[in-house]
Structures are given as structure tokens and as C-alpha cells.
Amino acid sequence: MPAHAPVLVLDGPPGAGKTSLLARMVPVLGDECLWFTEPNARLSTGLRAPVHPSTAGHSLWFLRHELDKARAAARLAADPATRLLISDRNHLGALAYCWATRADDSLPYRTARDFYARHIAAALPEQVLTAILLVSPSESLTRRGSVAERPRWQQWFDQGLLERLHVFYTDIAPTLCPTPPVIIKTDGATPDTVLAQVSGLLGEAGLTDMATRLTAAPAPESRPELDPRFRPVYDALGGLESFGHPFTEPFAHRGGTVQLCQLGALHRDRAGNTGLWDLLAEPARGAA
């Protein structure tokens, strides 16, 4: 067993199956696991929000967020109560966007890559395991219904952007991982096949009991409803526009209750206080 908990990163283009995979993994792994939700600048406040409402400003926010996450993960990985951390995306997502976007006000890819090399790479925990889930652009669109549910999500349905993201994750992303990643092509693959490959990665890292539990994890039968206890905070912070849809039922975790959404998660503590699940803002809570 590793001295520090490994960090499992799941990344890849939209529609690759990352959310479905997390929906099966996180509730099953229990209190021994902590996770970082997908970065969401819309839910940030104060100095943690983007400094400028431009494409470049948002990209810089994502990169700074990944630096904060790497530092927090290094601390949390040393907590003996935690045997695994899971990250829903990491620096690869920010770099992929900078490489693939054609926005006039975008952050140059070289600038983003240099920020990663100078700052993020040195701050990463000692053991980072990366699983890149790949999907073809056409299959990505098919799985997601081909039409954006909200106008601000429209760019993620652009065929050209999806094609460039596919190239990045296939050819470039593996060179930007701390150790060689596992690349899982999900076109035509069953959810059980994908889960088995990720479970195998954990088994090779010494987490054989977790790998065994995951291979037996059932697939959710349908999209869950938002738990009524979370509705006031969900609505107050922007609702569907900010969070997307829930993708797990609420589940008990370290004395509280958590429900994961596509773009964030909500947490209810022992005292009944409800708010965002955010290990960067309140790392002590996750280790309670």
C-alpha cells in the first residue's frame, strides 16, 4: 500500500463517459475516498473567481485552480484516513481547451503549457494516476443528444472543437501526465469494460480491495432527482445553469451527506448546514 494516497485523474473530451464512471465509483468507495469535482468558475466567489470575463481570463482561472488543487491534493494525500483521491479533470482539461479553441481572446497554448510546467507540475502529489477517456466527435454528439441544453454550453457541441480536442487527448495529453496514462477508447465499449480498466489501474497501484469493490458496482438505472434538502442552495447558486443535472443519489460520507452534479456537488454536514463540496475552500471538512 502506498505511503500517501494516490490521486486518480479522469479526463477526456465531452461525452467520453467520465460522469457515468464517477457515478459508479464515488458512492461505492466510501469514506476512504475523497474527490475534487469538475472546476466551475461560475460557482467561485471573491478572489477565486475569474479576474476578467474573457476566454483568456477564464483559462487563467482554471490553471490557477489546478495549482490550488495540486497543493490541496498533496496535503490530503498524506491523511491516513484517505486511501484514494479522485479528480474530475485536472490541468489537461485547461490545456486541451487552450490548444483546441479558436476564440479570438483565448490564452495562447504555449502560455498555458508554460504555466503548467513552471507551477503545477512541481506541486503535484507524488503519485498521480491518469485515465484518459477517448470518444470520437460523432459519438460524443450522439451520446449528448447533439443539441446543447443551455446556450452557454453550445461550444461543447461544435464539431471542429470536438475534433481538435480528440487530437489533443490522443497525441498531446499523454506527454503532459506525470506518469504514462491509461488511454481508454470508449466508442463501442460497455460501461463495465471501462470500469474494469480503471479498476485495474487502481489494483496495480496497490488498492486491490477498492478495485474489487468497483468491479461489482452496479450501473445507475436512471438519472436521479435532486434531493429536496439541497434544492434551496442549488437554486440560490444558479440551479441547472451552474450545476447541471445530478448524477448520483445522495449518499452518506464521513458523517454528512453528498450529492454529485455534472458541474459540482452539494454537501450537508452533521449539523444540517448545506453548501458546496469544495476541498480547496475547506480541506479539513473532507478529512473529518
Protein backbone atom coordinates (compact mmCIF):
# COMPACT_ATOMS: atom_id res chain seq x y z
CA MET A 1 0.00 0.00 0.00
CA PRO A 2 1.44 3.46 -0.90
CA ALA A 3 2.53 5.70 1.98
CA HIS A 4 0.42 8.53 0.57
CA ALA A 5 -2.91 8.14 -1.15
CA PRO A 6 -2.65 8.15 -4.94
CA VAL A 7 -4.65 10.65 -6.98
CA LEU A 8 -6.73 9.17 -9.78
CA VAL A 9 -7.44 11.72 -12.52
CA LEU A 10 -10.25 11.17 -15.02
CA ASP A 11 -10.09 13.38 -18.09
CA GLY A 12 -11.08 13.41 -21.73
CA PRO A 13 -13.39 15.10 -24.26
CA PRO A 14 -17.07 15.74 -23.58
CA GLY A 15 -19.24 12.63 -23.85
CA ALA A 16 -16.44 10.15 -23.20
CA GLY A 17 -18.26 8.62 -20.20
CA LYS A 18 -16.42 10.30 -17.36
CA THR A 19 -19.58 11.31 -15.48
CA SER A 20 -21.08 7.83 -15.79
CA LEU A 21 -17.86 6.37 -14.43
CA LEU A 22 -17.80 8.72 -11.44
CA ALA A 23 -21.44 7.91 -10.70
CA ARG A 24 -20.46 4.28 -10.17
CA MET A 25 -17.16 4.89 -8.38
CA VAL A 26 -17.56 7.59 -5.76
CA PRO A 27 -20.58 6.25 -3.81
CA VAL A 28 -19.06 2.75 -3.67
CA LEU A 29 -15.63 3.73 -2.37
CA GLY A 30 -16.97 5.23 0.84
CA ASP A 31 -15.15 7.22 3.49
CA GLU A 32 -11.69 6.13 2.35
CA CYS A 33 -12.07 8.22 -0.80
CA LEU A 34 -12.15 11.99 -1.34
CA TRP A 35 -12.75 13.70 -4.65
CA PHE A 36 -12.44 17.03 -6.45
CA THR A 37 -15.40 17.96 -8.61
CA GLU A 38 -15.01 19.41 -12.09
CA PRO A 39 -13.70 23.01 -11.93
CA ASN A 40 -16.55 25.51 -12.14
CA ALA A 41 -15.71 29.21 -12.30
CA ARG A 42 -19.40 30.09 -12.15
CA LEU A 43 -19.58 28.80 -8.57
CA SER A 44 -16.47 30.68 -7.44
CA THR A 45 -16.58 33.82 -5.34
CA GLY A 46 -14.28 36.68 -4.45
CA LEU A 47 -10.64 36.33 -5.43
CA ARG A 48 -11.23 32.75 -6.56
CA ALA A 49 -13.41 33.91 -9.46
CA PRO A 50 -12.02 34.77 -12.91
CA VAL A 51 -10.29 38.13 -12.93
CA HIS A 52 -11.63 39.11 -16.35
CA PRO A 53 -14.72 37.96 -18.27
CA SER A 54 -12.74 36.83 -21.30
CA THR A 55 -11.76 33.45 -22.66
CA ALA A 56 -8.16 34.07 -21.56
CA GLY A 57 -9.29 35.20 -18.11
CA HIS A 58 -11.31 32.05 -17.60
CA SER A 59 -8.43 29.87 -18.80
CA LEU A 60 -6.12 31.55 -16.30
CA TRP A 61 -8.67 30.90 -13.57
CA PHE A 62 -8.75 27.21 -14.48
CA LEU A 63 -4.95 26.98 -14.41
CA ARG A 64 -4.73 28.73 -11.03
CA HIS A 65 -7.48 26.46 -9.76
CA GLU A 66 -5.43 23.44 -10.83
CA LEU A 67 -2.42 24.79 -8.96
CA ASP A 68 -4.53 25.20 -5.80
CA LYS A 69 -5.93 21.71 -6.33
CA ALA A 70 -2.47 20.16 -6.72
CA ARG A 71 -1.36 21.74 -3.44
CA ALA A 72 -4.52 20.65 -1.64
CA ALA A 73 -4.23 17.12 -3.04
CA ALA A 74 -0.66 16.84 -1.78
CA ARG A 75 -1.87 17.70 1.74
CA LEU A 76 -4.90 15.43 1.65
CA ALA A 77 -2.91 12.53 0.23
CA ALA A 78 -0.88 12.45 3.45
CA ASP A 79 -4.00 11.99 5.61
CA PRO A 80 -4.07 8.35 6.83
CA ALA A 81 -7.89 8.41 6.72
CA THR A 82 -7.78 8.82 2.94
CA ARG A 83 -6.60 5.99 0.70
CA LEU A 84 -7.59 7.49 -2.66
CA LEU A 85 -8.30 10.90 -4.13
CA ILE A 86 -10.23 11.24 -7.38
CA SER A 87 -10.01 14.34 -9.56
CA ASP A 88 -12.72 15.08 -12.10
CA ARG A 89 -10.36 16.64 -14.68
CA ASN A 90 -7.05 18.36 -13.96
CA HIS A 91 -4.64 20.58 -15.89
CA LEU A 92 -5.22 18.50 -19.04
CA GLY A 93 -8.69 19.98 -19.45
CA ALA A 94 -7.42 23.57 -19.31
CA LEU A 95 -4.55 22.85 -21.68
CA ALA A 96 -6.84 20.97 -24.07
CA TYR A 97 -9.16 23.94 -24.32
CA CYS A 98 -6.33 26.42 -24.92
CA TRP A 99 -4.96 24.18 -27.69
CA ALA A 100 -8.31 23.48 -29.35
CA THR A 101 -10.28 26.73 -29.08
CA ARG A 102 -10.33 29.27 -31.88
CA ALA A 103 -11.67 32.13 -29.76
CA ASP A 104 -10.08 35.47 -30.62
CA ASP A 105 -9.40 36.32 -26.97
CA SER A 106 -8.07 32.89 -25.96
CA LEU A 107 -5.00 32.28 -23.83
CA PRO A 108 -2.12 31.11 -26.05
CA TYR A 109 -1.47 27.40 -25.62
CA ARG A 110 2.26 27.97 -25.09
CA THR A 111 1.49 30.34 -22.19
CA ALA A 112 -0.84 27.79 -20.61
CA ARG A 113 1.65 24.94 -21.08
CA ASP A 114 4.45 27.02 -19.54
CA PHE A 115 2.26 27.80 -16.51
CA TYR A 116 1.74 24.08 -16.05
CA ALA A 117 5.45 23.32 -16.39
CA ARG A 118 6.61 26.09 -14.04
CA HIS A 119 3.97 25.87 -11.33
CA ILE A 120 1.54 22.96 -11.44
CA ALA A 121 3.93 20.11 -12.28
CA ALA A 122 6.12 20.83 -9.25
CA ALA A 123 3.12 20.96 -6.89
CA LEU A 124 1.53 17.64 -7.87
CA PRO A 125 1.34 14.82 -5.30
CA GLU A 126 3.91 12.05 -5.53
CA GLN A 127 1.57 9.52 -7.18
CA VAL A 128 -0.82 10.67 -9.88
CA LEU A 129 -2.66 8.04 -11.94
CA THR A 130 -4.35 9.32 -15.09
CA ALA A 131 -7.11 7.68 -17.10
CA ILE A 132 -7.89 9.47 -20.37
CA LEU A 133 -11.28 8.51 -21.73
CA LEU A 134 -11.45 9.00 -25.50
CA VAL A 135 -14.54 9.30 -27.67
CA SER A 136 -14.91 10.19 -31.34
CA PRO A 137 -16.55 13.57 -32.09
CA SER A 138 -19.56 11.94 -33.75
CA GLU A 139 -20.14 9.57 -30.83
CA SER A 140 -19.71 12.45 -28.37
CA LEU A 141 -22.53 14.33 -30.06
CA THR A 142 -24.77 11.27 -30.27
CA ARG A 143 -24.40 10.47 -26.58
CA ARG A 144 -25.24 14.03 -25.56
CA GLY A 145 -28.22 14.46 -27.87
CA SER A 146 -26.40 16.67 -30.43
CA VAL A 147 -28.00 19.87 -29.07
CA ALA A 148 -26.83 21.93 -26.08
CA GLU A 149 -29.36 22.13 -23.26
CA ARG A 150 -28.20 25.62 -22.32
CA PRO A 151 -26.81 28.35 -24.65
CA ARG A 152 -23.58 28.70 -22.68
CA TRP A 153 -22.81 25.01 -23.29
CA GLN A 154 -23.10 25.41 -27.07
CA GLN A 155 -19.36 25.49 -27.79
CA TRP A 156 -19.03 21.90 -26.49
CA PHE A 157 -21.21 20.78 -29.40
CA ASP A 158 -19.04 22.36 -32.09
CA GLN A 159 -17.76 19.65 -34.43
CA GLY A 160 -14.47 21.42 -35.10
CA LEU A 161 -13.71 21.92 -31.42
CA LEU A 162 -14.51 18.27 -30.67
CA GLU A 163 -12.20 17.11 -33.46
CA ARG A 164 -9.33 19.23 -32.14
CA LEU A 165 -9.95 18.05 -28.57
CA HIS A 166 -9.79 14.45 -29.80
CA VAL A 167 -6.40 15.12 -31.40
CA PHE A 168 -5.11 16.78 -28.23
CA TYR A 169 -6.16 13.96 -25.92
CA THR A 170 -4.82 11.35 -28.33
CA ASP A 171 -1.47 12.85 -29.28
CA ILE A 172 -0.51 15.57 -26.79
CA ALA A 173 -2.14 14.91 -23.42
CA PRO A 174 -0.13 11.72 -22.70
CA THR A 175 3.08 13.81 -22.76
CA LEU A 176 1.65 16.13 -20.09
CA CYS A 177 0.91 13.48 -17.46
CA PRO A 178 3.29 12.87 -14.54
CA THR A 179 3.34 9.16 -15.44
CA PRO A 180 2.12 7.42 -18.60
CA PRO A 181 -1.69 7.42 -18.60
CA VAL A 182 -4.13 4.63 -19.31
CA ILE A 183 -5.98 5.56 -22.51
CA ILE A 184 -9.46 4.07 -22.78
CA LYS A 185 -11.32 4.28 -26.08
CA THR A 186 -14.98 4.30 -25.15
CA ASP A 187 -16.59 4.11 -28.61
CA GLY A 188 -18.29 0.72 -28.59
CA ALA A 189 -17.04 -0.08 -25.08
CA THR A 190 -19.51 -1.03 -22.37
CA PRO A 191 -19.52 0.85 -19.05
CA ASP A 192 -18.39 -2.38 -17.37
CA THR A 193 -15.36 -2.58 -19.68
CA VAL A 194 -14.35 1.00 -18.89
CA LEU A 195 -14.83 0.45 -15.16
CA ALA A 196 -12.73 -2.72 -15.30
CA GLN A 197 -9.81 -0.86 -16.90
CA VAL A 198 -9.88 1.89 -14.28
CA SER A 199 -10.22 -0.72 -11.52
CA GLY A 200 -7.16 -2.47 -12.93
CA LEU A 201 -5.20 0.78 -12.70
CA LEU A 202 -6.08 1.03 -9.01
CA GLY A 203 -5.19 -2.60 -8.45
CA GLU A 204 -1.75 -2.03 -9.94
CA ALA A 205 -1.31 0.87 -7.50
CA GLY A 206 -1.90 -1.46 -4.55
CA LEU A 207 -5.59 -0.69 -3.97
CA THR A 208 -6.76 -4.20 -4.78
CA ASP A 209 -9.70 -4.19 -2.35
CA MET A 210 -11.04 -0.98 -3.88
CA ALA A 211 -10.60 -2.45 -7.34
CA THR A 212 -12.62 -5.49 -6.31
CA ARG A 213 -15.42 -3.34 -4.89
CA LEU A 214 -15.57 -1.26 -8.03
CA THR A 215 -15.90 -4.20 -10.39
CA ALA A 216 -19.07 -5.15 -8.53
CA ALA A 217 -20.51 -1.62 -8.54
CA PRO A 218 -23.93 -1.51 -10.23
CA ALA A 219 -24.69 0.96 -13.00
CA PRO A 220 -27.31 3.61 -12.16
CA GLU A 221 -30.61 2.75 -13.81
CA SER A 222 -31.78 6.32 -14.49
CA ARG A 223 -30.91 9.95 -13.88
CA PRO A 224 -31.54 10.69 -10.18
CA GLU A 225 -33.57 13.60 -8.88
CA LEU A 226 -32.05 16.37 -6.79
CA ASP A 227 -32.59 15.68 -3.10
CA PRO A 228 -35.07 18.24 -1.66
CA ARG A 229 -32.62 19.04 1.14
CA PHE A 230 -30.26 20.50 -1.46
CA ARG A 231 -32.84 22.38 -3.53
CA PRO A 232 -32.59 25.81 -1.80
CA VAL A 233 -28.80 26.02 -2.17
CA TYR A 234 -28.87 24.53 -5.68
CA ASP A 235 -31.37 27.20 -6.81
CA ALA A 236 -29.64 30.03 -4.97
CA LEU A 237 -26.32 29.27 -6.69
CA GLY A 238 -27.76 29.15 -10.19
CA GLY A 239 -29.55 25.82 -10.46
CA LEU A 240 -29.17 23.85 -13.69
CA GLU A 241 -27.19 26.65 -15.34
CA SER A 242 -24.48 26.39 -12.66
CA PHE A 243 -24.57 22.74 -11.58
CA GLY A 244 -26.01 20.76 -14.47
CA HIS A 245 -28.04 17.69 -13.54
CA PRO A 246 -27.45 15.43 -10.51
CA PHE A 247 -25.77 12.16 -11.45
CA THR A 248 -25.78 10.31 -8.12
CA GLU A 249 -28.35 9.72 -5.47
CA PRO A 250 -27.47 11.43 -2.17
CA PHE A 251 -25.11 9.22 -0.17
CA ALA A 252 -23.57 9.26 3.28
CA HIS A 253 -19.96 10.34 3.51
CA ARG A 254 -17.85 10.94 6.63
CA GLY A 255 -20.80 11.87 8.81
CA GLY A 256 -22.51 14.06 6.22
CA THR A 257 -24.50 13.66 3.01
CA VAL A 258 -23.31 14.45 -0.50
CA GLN A 259 -24.94 14.55 -3.93
CA LEU A 260 -22.85 14.93 -7.08
CA CYS A 261 -23.94 17.00 -10.09
CA GLN A 262 -22.34 17.33 -13.52
CA LEU A 263 -20.56 20.58 -12.66
CA GLY A 264 -20.24 20.44 -8.89
CA ALA A 265 -21.52 18.77 -5.75
CA LEU A 266 -23.52 19.69 -2.67
CA HIS A 267 -22.68 18.72 0.91
CA ARG A 268 -24.78 18.59 4.07
CA ASP A 269 -22.85 18.29 7.33
CA ARG A 270 -23.76 16.71 10.65
CA ALA A 271 -25.40 19.92 11.86
CA GLY A 272 -27.61 20.20 8.78
CA ASN A 273 -25.66 23.03 7.14
CA THR A 274 -25.74 22.75 3.35
CA GLY A 275 -23.23 24.17 0.87
CA LEU A 276 -20.78 23.37 -1.89
CA TRP A 277 -18.47 20.39 -1.66
CA ASP A 278 -15.14 22.14 -2.05
CA LEU A 279 -11.94 20.59 -0.76
CA LEU A 280 -9.98 23.68 -1.79
CA ALA A 281 -12.04 26.00 0.41
CA GLU A 282 -12.49 23.64 3.35
CA PRO A 283 -9.96 20.80 3.19
CA ALA A 284 -10.42 19.97 6.88
CA ARG A 285 -14.05 19.07 6.28
CA GLY A 286 -13.16 16.26 3.91
CA ALA A 287 -10.83 14.74 6.44
CA ALA A 288 -13.25 14.97 9.37
